[in-house]
């Protein structure tokens, strides 16, 4: 059975450009190819709709070179 999708909000440090948006999106979609990723560069936040866990997403973003932590919606 597929895990239910959930909304995650991540604070992500180090994003400065559209290249960062692409890298963050790809890192999340490697975990969940159907994830919806919405990056807010101005506030350093990423809203994600996914079946992945927030810890998995944070680890993937950290591995991509960004400092990420989950925020409360």
PDB file of N, CA and C in Angstrom:
ATOM      1  N   UNK A   1       0.842  -1.195   0.000  1.00  0.00           N
ATOM      2  CA  UNK A   1       0.000   0.000   0.000  1.00  0.00           C
ATOM      3  C   UNK A   1       0.883   1.253   0.000  1.00  0.00           C
ATOM      4  N   UNK A   2       0.542   2.201  -0.812  1.00  0.00           N
ATOM      5  CA  UNK A   2       1.326   3.437  -0.912  1.00  0.00           C
ATOM      6  C   UNK A   2       1.105   4.314   0.312  1.00  0.00           C
ATOM      7  N   UNK A   3       2.200   4.931   0.783  1.00  0.00           N
ATOM      8  CA  UNK A   3       2.086   5.829   1.936  1.00  0.00           C
ATOM      9  C   UNK A   3       1.267   7.058   1.551  1.00  0.00           C
ATOM     10  N   UNK A   4       0.532   7.608   2.513  1.00  0.00           N
ATOM     11  CA  UNK A   4      -0.243   8.826   2.211  1.00  0.00           C
ATOM     12  C   UNK A   4       0.678  10.015   1.961  1.00  0.00           C
ATOM     13  N   UNK A   5       0.237  10.914   1.106  1.00  0.00           N
ATOM     14  CA  UNK A   5       1.017  12.123   0.815  1.00  0.00           C
ATOM     15  C   UNK A   5       0.793  13.128   1.936  1.00  0.00           C
ATOM     16  N   UNK A   6       1.815  13.899   2.217  1.00  0.00           N
ATOM     17  CA  UNK A   6       1.707  14.918   3.259  1.00  0.00           C
ATOM     18  C   UNK A   6       2.413  16.179   2.799  1.00  0.00           C
ATOM     19  N   UNK A   7       2.033  17.279   3.417  1.00  0.00           N
ATOM     20  CA  UNK A   7       2.679  18.560   3.143  1.00  0.00           C
ATOM     21  C   UNK A   7       3.794  18.773   4.148  1.00  0.00           C
ATOM     22  N   UNK A   8       4.971  19.103   3.635  1.00  0.00           N
ATOM     23  CA  UNK A   8       6.123  19.415   4.480  1.00  0.00           C
ATOM     24  C   UNK A   8       6.567  20.841   4.174  1.00  0.00           C
ATOM     25  N   UNK A   9       7.042  21.530   5.186  1.00  0.00           N
ATOM     26  CA  UNK A   9       7.646  22.843   4.999  1.00  0.00           C
ATOM     27  C   UNK A   9       9.048  22.757   5.557  1.00  0.00           C
ATOM     28  N   UNK A  10      10.035  23.048   4.719  1.00  0.00           N
ATOM     29  CA  UNK A  10      11.438  22.959   5.118  1.00  0.00           C
ATOM     30  C   UNK A  10      12.082  24.341   5.053  1.00  0.00           C
ATOM     31  N   UNK A  11      12.886  24.648   6.057  1.00  0.00           N
ATOM     32  CA  UNK A  11      13.747  25.838   6.015  1.00  0.00           C
ATOM     33  C   UNK A  11      15.057  25.360   5.406  1.00  0.00           C
ATOM     34  N   UNK A  12      15.477  25.972   4.305  1.00  0.00           N
ATOM     35  CA  UNK A  12      16.670  25.519   3.591  1.00  0.00           C
ATOM     36  C   UNK A  12      17.631  26.688   3.424  1.00  0.00           C
ATOM     37  N   UNK A  13      18.804  26.562   4.037  1.00  0.00           N
ATOM     38  CA  UNK A  13      19.834  27.602   3.960  1.00  0.00           C
ATOM     39  C   UNK A  13      20.741  27.340   2.762  1.00  0.00           C
ATOM     40  N   UNK A  14      21.171  28.412   2.111  1.00  0.00           N
ATOM     41  CA  UNK A  14      22.149  28.295   1.036  1.00  0.00           C
ATOM     42  C   UNK A  14      21.574  28.387  -0.367  1.00  0.00           C
ATOM     43  N   UNK A  15      20.271  28.535  -0.495  1.00  0.00           N
ATOM     44  CA  UNK A  15      19.663  28.666  -1.824  1.00  0.00           C
ATOM     45  C   UNK A  15      19.756  30.126  -2.259  1.00  0.00           C
ATOM     46  N   UNK A  16      20.333  30.354  -3.452  1.00  0.00           N
ATOM     47  CA  UNK A  16      20.523  31.733  -3.893  1.00  0.00           C
ATOM     48  C   UNK A  16      20.053  32.015  -5.316  1.00  0.00           C
ATOM     49  N   UNK A  17      19.788  30.949  -6.110  1.00  0.00           N
ATOM     50  CA  UNK A  17      19.502  31.174  -7.525  1.00  0.00           C
ATOM     51  C   UNK A  17      18.615  30.067  -8.088  1.00  0.00           C
ATOM     52  N   UNK A  18      18.275  30.197  -9.374  1.00  0.00           N
ATOM     53  CA  UNK A  18      17.443  29.181 -10.018  1.00  0.00           C
ATOM     54  C   UNK A  18      18.151  27.832 -10.116  1.00  0.00           C
ATOM     55  N   UNK A  19      19.481  27.840 -10.150  1.00  0.00           N
ATOM     56  CA  UNK A  19      20.230  26.586 -10.122  1.00  0.00           C
ATOM     57  C   UNK A  19      19.989  25.845  -8.812  1.00  0.00           C
ATOM     58  N   UNK A  20      19.898  26.610  -7.722  1.00  0.00           N
ATOM     59  CA  UNK A  20      19.597  26.019  -6.412  1.00  0.00           C
ATOM     60  C   UNK A  20      18.186  25.444  -6.402  1.00  0.00           C
ATOM     61  N   UNK A  21      17.249  26.157  -6.999  1.00  0.00           N
ATOM     62  CA  UNK A  21      15.871  25.675  -7.086  1.00  0.00           C
ATOM     63  C   UNK A  21      15.854  24.329  -7.796  1.00  0.00           C
ATOM     64  N   UNK A  22      16.568  24.237  -8.895  1.00  0.00           N
ATOM     65  CA  UNK A  22      16.634  22.995  -9.663  1.00  0.00           C
ATOM     66  C   UNK A  22      17.280  21.874  -8.851  1.00  0.00           C
ATOM     67  N   UNK A  23      18.374  22.176  -8.164  1.00  0.00           N
ATOM     68  CA  UNK A  23      19.082  21.160  -7.371  1.00  0.00           C
ATOM     69  C   UNK A  23      18.219  20.652  -6.228  1.00  0.00           C
ATOM     70  N   UNK A  24      17.521  21.553  -5.557  1.00  0.00           N
ATOM     71  CA  UNK A  24      16.644  21.170  -4.448  1.00  0.00           C
ATOM     72  C   UNK A  24      15.484  20.313  -4.975  1.00  0.00           C
ATOM     73  N   UNK A  25      14.891  20.732  -6.078  1.00  0.00           N
ATOM     74  CA  UNK A  25      13.783  19.973  -6.665  1.00  0.00           C
ATOM     75  C   UNK A  25      14.234  18.573  -7.041  1.00  0.00           C
ATOM     76  N   UNK A  26      15.382  18.463  -7.688  1.00  0.00           N
ATOM     77  CA  UNK A  26      15.894  17.148  -8.104  1.00  0.00           C
ATOM     78  C   UNK A  26      16.209  16.268  -6.894  1.00  0.00           C
ATOM     79  N   UNK A  27      16.762  16.852  -5.841  1.00  0.00           N
ATOM     80  CA  UNK A  27      17.097  16.069  -4.648  1.00  0.00           C
ATOM     81  C   UNK A  27      15.837  15.466  -4.034  1.00  0.00           C
ATOM     82  N   UNK A  28      14.769  16.252  -3.966  1.00  0.00           N
ATOM     83  CA  UNK A  28      13.505  15.758  -3.403  1.00  0.00           C
ATOM     84  C   UNK A  28      12.892  14.712  -4.333  1.00  0.00           C
ATOM     85  N   UNK A  29      12.922  14.971  -5.634  1.00  0.00           N
ATOM     86  CA  UNK A  29      12.276  14.054  -6.566  1.00  0.00           C
ATOM     87  C   UNK A  29      13.050  12.756  -6.766  1.00  0.00           C
ATOM     88  N   UNK A  30      14.306  12.694  -6.321  1.00  0.00           N
ATOM     89  CA  UNK A  30      15.007  11.415  -6.305  1.00  0.00           C
ATOM     90  C   UNK A  30      14.385  10.489  -5.257  1.00  0.00           C
ATOM     91  N   UNK A  31      13.918  11.070  -4.158  1.00  0.00           N
ATOM     92  CA  UNK A  31      13.234  10.294  -3.114  1.00  0.00           C
ATOM     93  C   UNK A  31      11.832   9.907  -3.547  1.00  0.00           C
ATOM     94  N   UNK A  32      11.131  10.853  -4.125  1.00  0.00           N
ATOM     95  CA  UNK A  32       9.737  10.663  -4.528  1.00  0.00           C
ATOM     96  C   UNK A  32       9.534  11.372  -5.864  1.00  0.00           C
ATOM     97  N   UNK A  33       9.614  10.618  -6.963  1.00  0.00           N
ATOM     98  CA  UNK A  33       9.509  11.233  -8.298  1.00  0.00           C
ATOM     99  C   UNK A  33       8.215  12.010  -8.533  1.00  0.00           C
ATOM    100  N   UNK A  34       7.170  11.713  -7.783  1.00  0.00           N
ATOM    101  CA  UNK A  34       5.906  12.422  -7.981  1.00  0.00           C
ATOM    102  C   UNK A  34       5.719  13.577  -6.995  1.00  0.00           C
ATOM    103  N   UNK A  35       6.744  13.893  -6.211  1.00  0.00           N
ATOM    104  CA  UNK A  35       6.646  14.982  -5.230  1.00  0.00           C
ATOM    105  C   UNK A  35       6.419  16.319  -5.931  1.00  0.00           C
ATOM    106  N   UNK A  36       5.613  17.164  -5.306  1.00  0.00           N
ATOM    107  CA  UNK A  36       5.409  18.540  -5.785  1.00  0.00           C
ATOM    108  C   UNK A  36       6.302  19.424  -4.916  1.00  0.00           C
ATOM    109  N   UNK A  37       7.183  20.189  -5.542  1.00  0.00           N
ATOM    110  CA  UNK A  37       8.161  21.011  -4.833  1.00  0.00           C
ATOM    111  C   UNK A  37       7.963  22.470  -5.217  1.00  0.00           C
ATOM    112  N   UNK A  38       7.775  23.331  -4.222  1.00  0.00           N
ATOM    113  CA  UNK A  38       7.599  24.762  -4.450  1.00  0.00           C
ATOM    114  C   UNK A  38       8.639  25.503  -3.616  1.00  0.00           C
ATOM    115  N   UNK A  39       9.615  26.111  -4.289  1.00  0.00           N
ATOM    116  CA  UNK A  39      10.735  26.770  -3.612  1.00  0.00           C
ATOM    117  C   UNK A  39      10.483  28.270  -3.513  1.00  0.00           C
ATOM    118  N   UNK A  40      10.647  28.815  -2.305  1.00  0.00           N
ATOM    119  CA  UNK A  40      10.550  30.257  -2.048  1.00  0.00           C
ATOM    120  C   UNK A  40      11.960  30.752  -1.736  1.00  0.00           C
ATOM    121  N   UNK A  41      12.653  31.226  -2.771  1.00  0.00           N
ATOM    122  CA  UNK A  41      14.039  31.687  -2.597  1.00  0.00           C
ATOM    123  C   UNK A  41      14.133  32.853  -1.622  1.00  0.00           C
ATOM    124  N   UNK A  42      13.188  33.775  -1.693  1.00  0.00           N
ATOM    125  CA  UNK A  42      13.252  34.976  -0.857  1.00  0.00           C
ATOM    126  C   UNK A  42      13.264  34.651   0.632  1.00  0.00           C
ATOM    127  N   UNK A  43      12.520  33.618   1.025  1.00  0.00           N
ATOM    128  CA  UNK A  43      12.419  33.275   2.442  1.00  0.00           C
ATOM    129  C   UNK A  43      13.187  32.012   2.812  1.00  0.00           C
ATOM    130  N   UNK A  44      13.822  31.360   1.822  1.00  0.00           N
ATOM    131  CA  UNK A  44      14.600  30.157   2.095  1.00  0.00           C
ATOM    132  C   UNK A  44      13.743  28.989   2.551  1.00  0.00           C
ATOM    133  N   UNK A  45      12.562  28.887   1.975  1.00  0.00           N
ATOM    134  CA  UNK A  45      11.643  27.820   2.373  1.00  0.00           C
ATOM    135  C   UNK A  45      11.265  26.975   1.164  1.00  0.00           C
ATOM    136  N   UNK A  46      10.988  25.711   1.449  1.00  0.00           N
ATOM    137  CA  UNK A  46      10.549  24.790   0.408  1.00  0.00           C
ATOM    138  C   UNK A  46       9.302  24.075   0.918  1.00  0.00           C
ATOM    139  N   UNK A  47       8.204  24.187   0.161  1.00  0.00           N
ATOM    140  CA  UNK A  47       6.966  23.486   0.481  1.00  0.00           C
ATOM    141  C   UNK A  47       6.920  22.260  -0.415  1.00  0.00           C
ATOM    142  N   UNK A  48       6.727  21.094   0.200  1.00  0.00           N
ATOM    143  CA  UNK A  48       6.784  19.834  -0.534  1.00  0.00           C
ATOM    144  C   UNK A  48       5.538  19.009  -0.221  1.00  0.00           C
ATOM    145  N   UNK A  49       4.924  18.461  -1.251  1.00  0.00           N
ATOM    146  CA  UNK A  49       3.857  17.483  -1.069  1.00  0.00           C
ATOM    147  C   UNK A  49       4.441  16.149  -1.513  1.00  0.00           C
ATOM    148  N   UNK A  50       4.559  15.205  -0.569  1.00  0.00           N
ATOM    149  CA  UNK A  50       5.289  13.963  -0.824  1.00  0.00           C
ATOM    150  C   UNK A  50       4.823  12.848   0.096  1.00  0.00           C
ATOM    151  N   UNK A  51       5.232  11.638  -0.231  1.00  0.00           N
ATOM    152  CA  UNK A  51       4.999  10.520   0.682  1.00  0.00           C
ATOM    153  C   UNK A  51       6.272  10.229   1.481  1.00  0.00           C
ATOM    154  N   UNK A  52       7.371  10.943   1.199  1.00  0.00           N
ATOM    155  CA  UNK A  52       8.624  10.780   1.948  1.00  0.00           C
ATOM    156  C   UNK A  52       8.498  11.434   3.327  1.00  0.00           C
ATOM    157  N   UNK A  53       9.293  10.954   4.258  1.00  0.00           N
ATOM    158  CA  UNK A  53       9.316  11.511   5.609  1.00  0.00           C
ATOM    159  C   UNK A  53      10.178  12.778   5.638  1.00  0.00           C
ATOM    160  N   UNK A  54       9.880  13.690   6.557  1.00  0.00           N
ATOM    161  CA  UNK A  54      10.626  14.952   6.629  1.00  0.00           C
ATOM    162  C   UNK A  54      12.114  14.709   6.894  1.00  0.00           C
ATOM    163  N   UNK A  55      12.451  13.707   7.700  1.00  0.00           N
ATOM    164  CA  UNK A  55      13.862  13.417   7.967  1.00  0.00           C
ATOM    165  C   UNK A  55      14.572  12.973   6.690  1.00  0.00           C
ATOM    166  N   UNK A  56      13.912  12.158   5.880  1.00  0.00           N
ATOM    167  CA  UNK A  56      14.490  11.708   4.605  1.00  0.00           C
ATOM    168  C   UNK A  56      14.728  12.896   3.675  1.00  0.00           C
ATOM    169  N   UNK A  57      13.764  13.805   3.618  1.00  0.00           N
ATOM    170  CA  UNK A  57      13.890  14.982   2.761  1.00  0.00           C
ATOM    171  C   UNK A  57      15.037  15.863   3.254  1.00  0.00           C
ATOM    172  N   UNK A  58      15.107  16.102   4.550  1.00  0.00           N
ATOM    173  CA  UNK A  58      16.192  16.922   5.107  1.00  0.00           C
ATOM    174  C   UNK A  58      17.550  16.296   4.802  1.00  0.00           C
ATOM    175  N   UNK A  59      17.666  14.985   4.942  1.00  0.00           N
ATOM    176  CA  UNK A  59      18.935  14.308   4.654  1.00  0.00           C
ATOM    177  C   UNK A  59      19.299  14.430   3.177  1.00  0.00           C
ATOM    178  N   UNK A  60      18.318  14.307   2.289  1.00  0.00           N
ATOM    179  CA  UNK A  60      18.576  14.434   0.853  1.00  0.00           C
ATOM    180  C   UNK A  60      19.050  15.849   0.509  1.00  0.00           C
ATOM    181  N   UNK A  61      18.429  16.855   1.122  1.00  0.00           N
ATOM    182  CA  UNK A  61      18.828  18.242   0.863  1.00  0.00           C
ATOM    183  C   UNK A  61      20.200  18.535   1.458  1.00  0.00           C
ATOM    184  N   UNK A  62      20.478  17.984   2.622  1.00  0.00           N
ATOM    185  CA  UNK A  62      21.808  18.152   3.218  1.00  0.00           C
ATOM    186  C   UNK A  62      22.876  17.512   2.335  1.00  0.00           C
ATOM    187  N   UNK A  63      22.582  16.328   1.794  1.00  0.00           N
ATOM    188  CA  UNK A  63      23.524  15.644   0.906  1.00  0.00           C
ATOM    189  C   UNK A  63      23.752  16.447  -0.379  1.00  0.00           C
ATOM    190  N   UNK A  64      22.742  17.237  -0.782  1.00  0.00           N
ATOM    191  CA  UNK A  64      22.866  18.075  -1.980  1.00  0.00           C
ATOM    192  C   UNK A  64      23.621  19.377  -1.690  1.00  0.00           C
ATOM    193  N   UNK A  65      23.993  19.595  -0.430  1.00  0.00           N
ATOM    194  CA  UNK A  65      24.801  20.767  -0.090  1.00  0.00           C
ATOM    195  C   UNK A  65      24.053  21.905   0.579  1.00  0.00           C
ATOM    196  N   UNK A  66      22.842  21.641   1.030  1.00  0.00           N
ATOM    197  CA  UNK A  66      22.046  22.673   1.685  1.00  0.00           C
ATOM    198  C   UNK A  66      21.780  22.268   3.130  1.00  0.00           C
ATOM    199  N   UNK A  67      21.637  23.256   3.995  1.00  0.00           N
ATOM    200  CA  UNK A  67      21.289  22.991   5.379  1.00  0.00           C
ATOM    201  C   UNK A  67      19.767  23.074   5.489  1.00  0.00           C
ATOM    202  N   UNK A  68      19.137  21.940   5.778  1.00  0.00           N
ATOM    203  CA  UNK A  68      17.672  21.881   5.768  1.00  0.00           C
ATOM    204  C   UNK A  68      17.145  21.358   7.088  1.00  0.00           C
ATOM    205  N   UNK A  69      16.019  21.935   7.507  1.00  0.00           N
ATOM    206  CA  UNK A  69      15.322  21.430   8.684  1.00  0.00           C
ATOM    207  C   UNK A  69      13.818  21.617   8.489  1.00  0.00           C
ATOM    208  N   UNK A  70      13.066  20.717   9.074  1.00  0.00           N
ATOM    209  CA  UNK A  70      11.612  20.760   8.955  1.00  0.00           C
ATOM    210  C   UNK A  70      11.056  21.899   9.785  1.00  0.00           C
ATOM    211  N   UNK A  71      10.006  22.515   9.275  1.00  0.00           N
ATOM    212  CA  UNK A  71       9.277  23.575   9.991  1.00  0.00           C
ATOM    213  C   UNK A  71       7.841  23.080  10.190  1.00  0.00           C
ATOM    214  N   UNK A  72       7.130  23.671  11.119  1.00  0.00           N
ATOM    215  CA  UNK A  72       5.730  23.346  11.347  1.00  0.00           C
ATOM    216  C   UNK A  72       4.869  24.163  10.395  1.00  0.00           C
ATOM    217  N   UNK A  73       3.916  23.497   9.764  1.00  0.00           N
ATOM    218  CA  UNK A  73       2.993  24.204   8.857  1.00  0.00           C
ATOM    219  C   UNK A  73       1.990  24.993   9.643  1.00  0.00           C
TER     220      UNK A  73
END
